[in-house]
């Protein structure tokens, strides 16, 4: 089935459709990862986005039941060079196209994704539409011009009820504020011997304290962090009372709660090869990232937050901490452990804060 991709600047690409046959308008972004398309597809942080994969072959190992990052799929579209619908993988249970069709995700292949990535890199993220080839360009551009970026994405992806992820012989209780949390993060918290109570993003501090938590986790998620005022206010209430760990959107929310500011990046960071310097150990990590917004590191002055990590490509703020109130955060995804060393040590730092807080509570 022939389809086309039209950017808001009028550039048009023709290709073959796969997945859902619907028409979709969304923000178009790119990801430079060579593998992990299932995790990308199921990451709630890609809500209302069309993702261009720079790696040319997508779909070749199918999808497996164990590798989803969310119970639902919120992405709008996938743009790839070559789509493989005959996976070769003993673990696979379904094809990428089947999952996309079932969840309303539109796909287009046979696109020169190298050219498209360069366009997004040079001009920035923009609106795009995937539609039928016979739709007039003027009509596509009119609809793109009228499209407004949604501001309720966290509300859309957050859990609507409380749920639990328990572990054997638990030492801690951690409340996860679900702004679009990836399941692998929950698993990493369980590995700390923590029972995890996952609550909707708009849960009050009073309600959270009913679970007698030893710590608070703020998850990743989609969209502009300034729109998630409920969680910003939650951090203001919780800091100093509970150890807090924030990842990705959670990192940005912590910064806003302390009085720092955020900004939208030209094309964001999305991929598994971003070098980050840990200013405390002077070691470089190769990290997995997915975000459009970032903390303005110059705005951290006099907030009580100390910069702990920086991106070596653009010097963006990648980590912060408040030693007094036991708050730490990172912009990247340590649970992905891209290498060369295991960056899940951030969870061990959080465990240390949990242990200290529990000891102080008993004293």
Protein backbone atom coordinates (compact mmCIF):
# COMPACT_ATOMS: atom_id res chain seq x y z
CA UNK A 1 0.00 0.00 0.00
CA UNK A 2 1.56 3.29 -1.12
CA UNK A 3 1.64 6.06 1.47
CA UNK A 4 3.36 9.39 1.93
CA UNK A 5 4.95 11.39 4.71
CA UNK A 6 4.57 15.18 4.58
CA UNK A 7 6.52 17.53 6.84
CA UNK A 8 5.14 20.89 7.89
CA UNK A 9 7.79 22.59 5.73
CA UNK A 10 6.26 20.91 2.67
CA UNK A 11 8.90 18.23 2.11
CA UNK A 12 7.26 14.99 0.98
CA UNK A 13 8.48 11.39 1.07
CA UNK A 14 6.75 8.44 -0.64
CA UNK A 15 6.94 4.85 0.60
CA UNK A 16 5.16 1.62 1.48
CA UNK A 17 2.69 1.50 4.34
CA UNK A 18 2.71 -1.09 7.15
CA UNK A 19 1.03 -1.36 10.52
CA UNK A 20 -2.19 0.64 10.88
CA UNK A 21 -3.84 2.10 7.78
CA UNK A 22 -5.01 5.18 9.71
CA UNK A 23 -3.85 8.73 9.03
CA UNK A 24 -1.76 10.27 11.81
CA UNK A 25 -0.42 13.77 12.55
CA UNK A 26 2.23 14.13 15.24
CA UNK A 27 5.64 15.58 16.06
CA UNK A 28 8.38 13.81 14.08
CA UNK A 29 11.65 12.88 15.85
CA UNK A 30 14.51 10.48 15.17
CA UNK A 31 16.26 7.73 17.12
CA UNK A 32 19.80 6.54 16.35
CA UNK A 33 19.60 3.13 18.09
CA UNK A 34 20.62 0.07 16.07
CA UNK A 35 18.42 -2.29 18.11
CA UNK A 36 15.57 -1.95 20.59
CA UNK A 37 12.71 -1.01 18.28
CA UNK A 38 10.26 -2.95 20.48
CA UNK A 39 11.33 -0.99 23.56
CA UNK A 40 11.04 2.24 21.55
CA UNK A 41 7.58 1.30 20.25
CA UNK A 42 6.31 0.55 23.76
CA UNK A 43 8.01 3.44 25.59
CA UNK A 44 5.23 5.82 26.79
CA UNK A 45 7.64 8.75 26.38
CA UNK A 46 7.02 8.52 22.62
CA UNK A 47 3.33 9.32 23.09
CA UNK A 48 1.99 11.38 20.16
CA UNK A 49 5.25 11.20 18.20
CA UNK A 50 6.30 9.77 14.83
CA UNK A 51 9.72 8.15 15.23
CA UNK A 52 12.26 7.90 12.41
CA UNK A 53 14.75 5.06 12.89
CA UNK A 54 18.15 5.98 11.46
CA UNK A 55 19.28 2.34 11.45
CA UNK A 56 18.12 0.92 8.08
CA UNK A 57 16.70 -2.52 8.98
CA UNK A 58 13.75 -2.69 11.38
CA UNK A 59 11.51 -5.64 12.30
CA UNK A 60 14.03 -8.41 11.60
CA UNK A 61 13.85 -10.00 15.07
CA UNK A 62 10.14 -9.48 15.67
CA UNK A 63 8.59 -8.77 19.07
CA UNK A 64 8.73 -10.87 22.22
CA UNK A 65 6.29 -10.91 25.12
CA UNK A 66 9.00 -10.18 27.70
CA UNK A 67 10.49 -7.04 26.14
CA UNK A 68 7.65 -4.52 26.28
CA UNK A 69 8.31 -1.34 28.26
CA UNK A 70 4.62 -0.64 28.82
CA UNK A 71 1.33 -2.50 28.84
CA UNK A 72 0.04 -0.13 26.16
CA UNK A 73 1.48 1.53 23.04
CA UNK A 74 1.10 5.30 22.58
CA UNK A 75 3.38 6.08 19.64
CA UNK A 76 1.74 7.61 16.56
CA UNK A 77 4.00 6.36 13.78
CA UNK A 78 7.21 4.58 12.71
CA UNK A 79 9.33 5.62 9.72
CA UNK A 80 11.95 3.10 8.53
CA UNK A 81 14.19 2.42 5.54
CA UNK A 82 13.56 -1.32 5.26
CA UNK A 83 10.79 -3.12 7.15
CA UNK A 84 11.27 -6.89 7.62
CA UNK A 85 8.04 -8.83 8.14
CA UNK A 86 9.71 -12.27 8.35
CA UNK A 87 11.59 -12.20 11.67
CA UNK A 88 14.41 -14.63 12.45
CA UNK A 89 14.44 -15.03 16.23
CA UNK A 90 13.51 -18.08 18.30
CA UNK A 91 11.99 -15.81 20.99
CA UNK A 92 9.67 -13.81 18.77
CA UNK A 93 5.92 -14.17 19.24
CA UNK A 94 4.58 -11.63 16.72
CA UNK A 95 5.71 -9.21 14.05
CA UNK A 96 6.23 -5.49 14.52
CA UNK A 97 3.58 -4.73 11.87
CA UNK A 98 0.96 -6.84 13.66
CA UNK A 99 1.50 -5.01 16.96
CA UNK A 100 1.38 -1.64 15.23
CA UNK A 101 -1.84 -2.47 13.40
CA UNK A 102 -3.48 -3.67 16.61
CA UNK A 103 -2.50 -0.48 18.47
CA UNK A 104 -3.20 2.07 15.75
CA UNK A 105 0.43 2.93 14.98
CA UNK A 106 1.02 3.87 11.35
CA UNK A 107 4.20 2.87 9.55
CA UNK A 108 5.93 3.86 6.34
CA UNK A 109 8.99 2.15 4.86
CA UNK A 110 11.23 2.58 1.80
CA UNK A 111 12.00 6.13 2.97
CA UNK A 112 15.51 7.58 2.81
CA UNK A 113 15.78 7.86 6.57
CA UNK A 114 19.33 9.25 6.40
CA UNK A 115 18.06 12.28 4.51
CA UNK A 116 15.07 12.61 6.84
CA UNK A 117 17.26 12.47 9.96
CA UNK A 118 19.47 15.22 8.53
CA UNK A 119 16.42 17.38 7.83
CA UNK A 120 15.19 17.02 11.44
CA UNK A 121 18.72 17.62 12.73
CA UNK A 122 19.09 20.79 10.66
CA UNK A 123 15.57 22.24 10.96
CA UNK A 124 14.50 20.72 14.29
CA UNK A 125 11.58 18.53 15.27
CA UNK A 126 8.37 19.50 13.48
CA UNK A 127 4.85 18.37 12.70
CA UNK A 128 4.35 15.59 10.16
CA UNK A 129 1.52 13.57 8.67
CA UNK A 130 1.48 10.00 7.34
CA UNK A 131 -1.40 9.65 4.91
CA UNK A 132 -2.55 8.21 1.58
CA UNK A 133 -0.62 9.22 -1.52
CA UNK A 134 -3.66 10.76 -3.20
CA UNK A 135 -4.27 13.37 -0.49
CA UNK A 136 -3.45 16.83 -1.92
CA UNK A 137 -0.36 18.53 -0.52
CA UNK A 138 -2.33 21.73 0.18
CA UNK A 139 -4.79 19.78 2.34
CA UNK A 140 -1.92 18.08 4.23
CA UNK A 141 -0.24 21.41 4.96
CA UNK A 142 -3.53 22.96 6.09
CA UNK A 143 -4.11 20.14 8.57
CA UNK A 144 -0.53 20.33 9.80
CA UNK A 145 -0.85 24.07 10.31
CA UNK A 146 -4.05 23.60 12.34
CA UNK A 147 -2.64 20.77 14.47
CA UNK A 148 -1.84 21.73 18.08
CA UNK A 149 0.64 19.74 20.14
CA UNK A 150 -1.20 18.02 23.01
CA UNK A 151 -0.45 19.05 26.58
CA UNK A 152 -2.14 16.17 28.45
CA UNK A 153 0.24 13.37 27.46
CA UNK A 154 1.21 12.40 31.03
CA UNK A 155 -2.48 12.14 31.92
CA UNK A 156 -2.94 9.90 28.86
CA UNK A 157 -0.11 7.45 29.66
CA UNK A 158 -0.19 7.39 33.46
CA UNK A 159 -1.76 4.45 35.25
CA UNK A 160 -5.40 5.08 36.16
CA UNK A 161 -5.16 3.02 39.35
CA UNK A 162 -2.64 1.93 41.94
CA UNK A 163 -0.78 -1.30 41.18
CA UNK A 164 2.02 -3.22 42.89
CA UNK A 165 5.25 -4.89 41.85
CA UNK A 166 6.44 -6.95 44.79
CA UNK A 167 9.74 -8.74 45.40
CA UNK A 168 10.88 -11.53 47.69
CA UNK A 169 12.13 -10.58 51.15
CA UNK A 170 11.62 -6.83 50.66
CA UNK A 171 13.66 -4.31 52.60
CA UNK A 172 11.96 -1.14 51.36
CA UNK A 173 8.72 0.28 50.05
CA UNK A 174 9.11 2.71 47.14
CA UNK A 175 6.25 4.70 45.63
CA UNK A 176 6.62 5.25 41.89
CA UNK A 177 4.80 8.28 40.52
CA UNK A 178 3.80 7.02 37.09
CA UNK A 179 4.23 9.72 34.44
CA UNK A 180 4.75 7.03 31.78
CA UNK A 181 7.08 4.66 33.57
CA UNK A 182 9.06 1.99 31.70
CA UNK A 183 8.63 -1.50 33.15
CA UNK A 184 12.37 -2.16 33.25
CA UNK A 185 12.73 0.67 35.78
CA UNK A 186 10.23 -1.09 38.03
CA UNK A 187 12.28 -4.29 37.71
CA UNK A 188 15.46 -2.42 38.70
CA UNK A 189 13.75 -1.04 41.79
CA UNK A 190 12.60 -4.56 42.67
CA UNK A 191 16.23 -5.69 42.42
CA UNK A 192 17.00 -3.27 45.27
CA UNK A 193 14.73 -5.48 47.42
CA UNK A 194 12.03 -2.83 47.16
CA UNK A 195 8.32 -3.42 46.86
CA UNK A 196 7.09 -0.84 44.36
CA UNK A 197 3.71 0.86 44.66
CA UNK A 198 2.88 2.50 41.32
CA UNK A 199 0.47 5.42 41.66
CA UNK A 200 -1.18 7.77 39.12
CA UNK A 201 0.71 10.98 38.39
CA UNK A 202 -1.84 13.17 40.23
CA UNK A 203 -1.71 11.28 43.54
CA UNK A 204 -1.32 13.67 46.49
CA UNK A 205 1.52 13.56 49.00
CA UNK A 206 -1.00 12.75 51.72
CA UNK A 207 -2.21 9.70 49.79
CA UNK A 208 1.36 8.58 49.06
CA UNK A 209 2.31 8.69 52.74
CA UNK A 210 -0.50 6.21 53.52
CA UNK A 211 1.70 3.55 51.91
CA UNK A 212 4.48 4.28 54.46
CA UNK A 213 7.12 4.64 51.74
CA UNK A 214 10.85 4.61 52.37
CA UNK A 215 11.44 6.53 49.15
CA UNK A 216 9.81 8.22 46.18
CA UNK A 217 10.56 7.60 42.50
CA UNK A 218 9.55 10.01 39.71
CA UNK A 219 9.35 8.26 36.36
CA UNK A 220 10.08 9.15 32.78
CA UNK A 221 7.24 10.29 30.56
CA UNK A 222 6.21 12.36 27.53
CA UNK A 223 5.74 16.04 26.88
CA UNK A 224 6.59 19.38 28.45
CA UNK A 225 7.47 19.04 32.16
CA UNK A 226 5.93 22.44 32.96
CA UNK A 227 2.51 20.91 32.19
CA UNK A 228 2.81 18.39 35.03
CA UNK A 229 2.20 20.83 37.86
CA UNK A 230 0.72 18.18 40.18
CA UNK A 231 4.05 16.33 40.30
CA UNK A 232 6.07 19.55 40.61
CA UNK A 233 4.03 20.47 43.69
CA UNK A 234 4.42 16.91 45.01
CA UNK A 235 8.21 17.25 44.93
CA UNK A 236 7.99 20.53 46.82
CA UNK A 237 6.05 18.75 49.57
CA UNK A 238 8.09 15.55 49.63
CA UNK A 239 11.66 16.86 49.51
CA UNK A 240 13.36 16.55 52.86
CA UNK A 241 10.74 14.04 54.02
CA UNK A 242 11.57 11.16 51.65
CA UNK A 243 14.59 10.20 49.52
CA UNK A 244 13.72 10.98 45.88
CA UNK A 245 15.05 9.56 42.61
CA UNK A 246 13.99 11.08 39.27
CA UNK A 247 14.72 9.77 35.79
CA UNK A 248 14.18 11.69 32.50
CA UNK A 249 10.90 13.62 32.95
CA UNK A 250 11.27 13.04 36.68
CA UNK A 251 14.67 14.73 36.52
CA UNK A 252 13.15 17.77 34.79
CA UNK A 253 10.28 17.92 37.29
CA UNK A 254 12.74 17.94 40.20
CA UNK A 255 14.58 20.86 38.60
CA UNK A 256 11.34 22.82 38.18
CA UNK A 257 10.31 22.11 41.77
CA UNK A 258 13.59 23.60 42.98
CA UNK A 259 13.18 26.74 40.87
CA UNK A 260 15.32 25.82 37.85
CA UNK A 261 13.99 26.22 34.31
CA UNK A 262 13.58 23.90 31.32
CA UNK A 263 13.69 24.45 27.57
CA UNK A 264 12.73 22.50 24.45
CA UNK A 265 15.72 21.22 22.52
CA UNK A 266 16.06 21.61 18.76
CA UNK A 267 15.69 17.88 18.05
CA UNK A 268 16.19 16.25 21.44
CA UNK A 269 18.29 13.26 22.46
CA UNK A 270 17.08 9.84 21.31
CA UNK A 271 19.43 6.90 20.99
CA UNK A 272 21.68 4.49 22.84
CA UNK A 273 25.06 6.15 22.31
CA UNK A 274 25.09 9.47 24.19
CA UNK A 275 28.32 10.06 26.15
CA UNK A 276 27.75 11.43 29.65
CA UNK A 277 30.45 12.50 32.11
CA UNK A 278 29.89 11.73 35.80
CA UNK A 279 31.46 14.77 37.45
CA UNK A 280 31.90 12.91 40.74
CA UNK A 281 33.86 9.93 39.38
CA UNK A 282 35.20 11.57 36.18
CA UNK A 283 34.03 8.49 34.26
CA UNK A 284 32.23 8.58 30.92
CA UNK A 285 29.11 6.48 30.38
CA UNK A 286 27.51 5.66 27.04
CA UNK A 287 23.84 6.18 27.80
CA UNK A 288 20.38 5.55 26.40
CA UNK A 289 18.24 8.68 26.08
CA UNK A 290 14.81 9.84 24.96
CA UNK A 291 13.77 13.42 25.65
CA UNK A 292 12.80 16.69 23.97
CA UNK A 293 13.20 18.94 27.01
CA UNK A 294 16.20 19.65 29.22
CA UNK A 295 17.21 21.52 32.35
CA UNK A 296 18.93 24.86 31.78
CA UNK A 297 22.04 24.19 33.83
CA UNK A 298 22.66 27.94 34.29
CA UNK A 299 19.35 28.13 36.16
CA UNK A 300 20.57 25.71 38.86
CA UNK A 301 22.43 28.51 40.67
CA UNK A 302 21.08 29.04 44.21
CA UNK A 303 18.43 26.32 43.84
CA UNK A 304 20.06 23.84 46.22
CA UNK A 305 20.73 21.40 43.38
CA UNK A 306 24.26 20.47 42.37
CA UNK A 307 25.10 19.42 38.81
CA UNK A 308 26.48 15.83 38.80
CA UNK A 309 26.46 14.78 35.12
CA UNK A 310 26.90 16.56 31.77
CA UNK A 311 26.41 15.47 28.17
CA UNK A 312 29.73 15.52 26.32
CA UNK A 313 28.09 16.35 22.98
CA UNK A 314 26.24 19.55 23.93
CA UNK A 315 27.13 20.04 27.63
CA UNK A 316 23.47 19.62 28.62
CA UNK A 317 22.64 18.91 32.30
CA UNK A 318 22.36 15.13 32.71
CA UNK A 319 22.26 14.73 36.49
CA UNK A 320 21.65 16.64 39.72
CA UNK A 321 21.52 16.07 43.45
CA UNK A 322 20.54 17.70 46.72
CA UNK A 323 22.66 16.01 49.37
CA UNK A 324 20.86 17.64 52.29
CA UNK A 325 17.39 16.48 51.27
CA UNK A 326 18.52 13.18 49.69
CA UNK A 327 17.35 13.93 46.14
CA UNK A 328 19.10 12.60 43.02
CA UNK A 329 18.15 12.64 39.36
CA UNK A 330 19.46 11.81 35.89
CA UNK A 331 18.25 12.82 32.45
CA UNK A 332 19.26 9.57 30.76
CA UNK A 333 17.95 6.02 31.31
CA UNK A 334 20.31 4.08 33.63
CA UNK A 335 18.09 0.98 33.52
CA UNK A 336 19.00 0.53 29.84
CA UNK A 337 22.67 0.03 30.78
CA UNK A 338 24.01 0.85 27.32
CA UNK A 339 27.65 0.59 28.45
CA UNK A 340 30.60 0.38 28.45
CA UNK A 341 30.03 0.01 32.20
CA UNK A 342 26.74 -0.68 33.92
CA UNK A 343 25.11 2.69 34.68
CA UNK A 344 22.61 1.06 37.02
CA UNK A 345 24.89 2.21 39.84
CA UNK A 346 22.42 5.14 40.09
CA UNK A 347 19.93 2.71 41.60
CA UNK A 348 22.59 1.66 44.12
CA UNK A 349 23.01 5.31 45.10
CA UNK A 350 19.26 5.50 45.63
CA UNK A 351 19.38 2.31 47.72
CA UNK A 352 22.01 3.95 49.92
CA UNK A 353 19.67 6.88 50.51
CA UNK A 354 16.82 4.47 51.34
CA UNK A 355 19.02 2.62 53.82
CA UNK A 356 20.15 5.85 55.51
CA UNK A 357 16.60 7.16 55.77
CA UNK A 358 15.35 3.89 57.25
CA UNK A 359 18.17 3.86 59.80
CA UNK A 360 17.44 7.44 60.79
CA UNK A 361 13.74 6.64 61.17
CA UNK A 362 14.56 3.85 63.65
CA UNK A 363 17.02 5.96 65.64
